[in-house]
Amino acid sequence: MRILITSGPTREYLDPVRFLSNGSSGKMGAALAAAALSAGFDVTIVSGPVLVDYPKHAEIIPVTSTDEMLQRCLQQFPSCVGVIGAAAPCDYKPESIVPQKITKQQNKELLLKLIETPDILADLGRIKRTDQWIVPFALETNHDSKSRAIKKLHQKNGDLILLNDPKSMYSDLTTIEVLDNNGQTIALICDTKERVAAQIMSLIQKTINAQFSS
């Protein structure tokens, strides 16, 4: 059985040299891939630009933009038992890309018009079969982070959701609150990303049963 993992950031270019992105390092995606391989799964990683080394036995599909990540995931998901959304795709992109490098002009503002990018896991959730599962991440900063994570869980047709915060970016440590599809906390894990990933895989196998029957 094969698991799809999204990992890393995406880039949305403003001009040929500048882009919008975020601080996702790909470390959590790499740790999850290693844990899935250790659990006996085949692994496909659709990854934005990262410096991290992924496990050599995983299939790596490199992408740049959110649209490109979506298209690659739509191609791969039907042959997978489930997907873990560890990537941090850009939520917005410029409405248009300037063909030449934007130059600084004294005393002038640069106004950008941004439009929403696709919600990758929500799109996968709409085509999810009954024998497939979806486990998104939710990185939140607000006081109502749990309620926002639960909303995302339902929007993406998820089975579990993994709630964390920006402190995990570029760190080897992370804290993950695991919520089930009823919004109940079933685990709070604080450890290295490798150990957290192993516990996440164990929880997926214990709490999502249908896809492991064959």
Foldseek 3Di string as FASTA:
>chain_A
DEEEEEAEEAWAAQEPPDTDIDQGARLLVQLLCVLCVVVPHAYEYEYEDHPDDHDPRHHYHYDHAPVRSLVVCVVPVVVHQEYEYHYDYDQKHFPDHDHHDDDDDPPDDDDTDIDGDDDRLLVVQVVDDPRHAYEYEQADDDPPRLVVQLVVCVSNVHAKYWYFYPVPRVDQWTWTFIAGNVSDTPDIDTDGSNVVSNVVVVCCCVRPPRNPPD
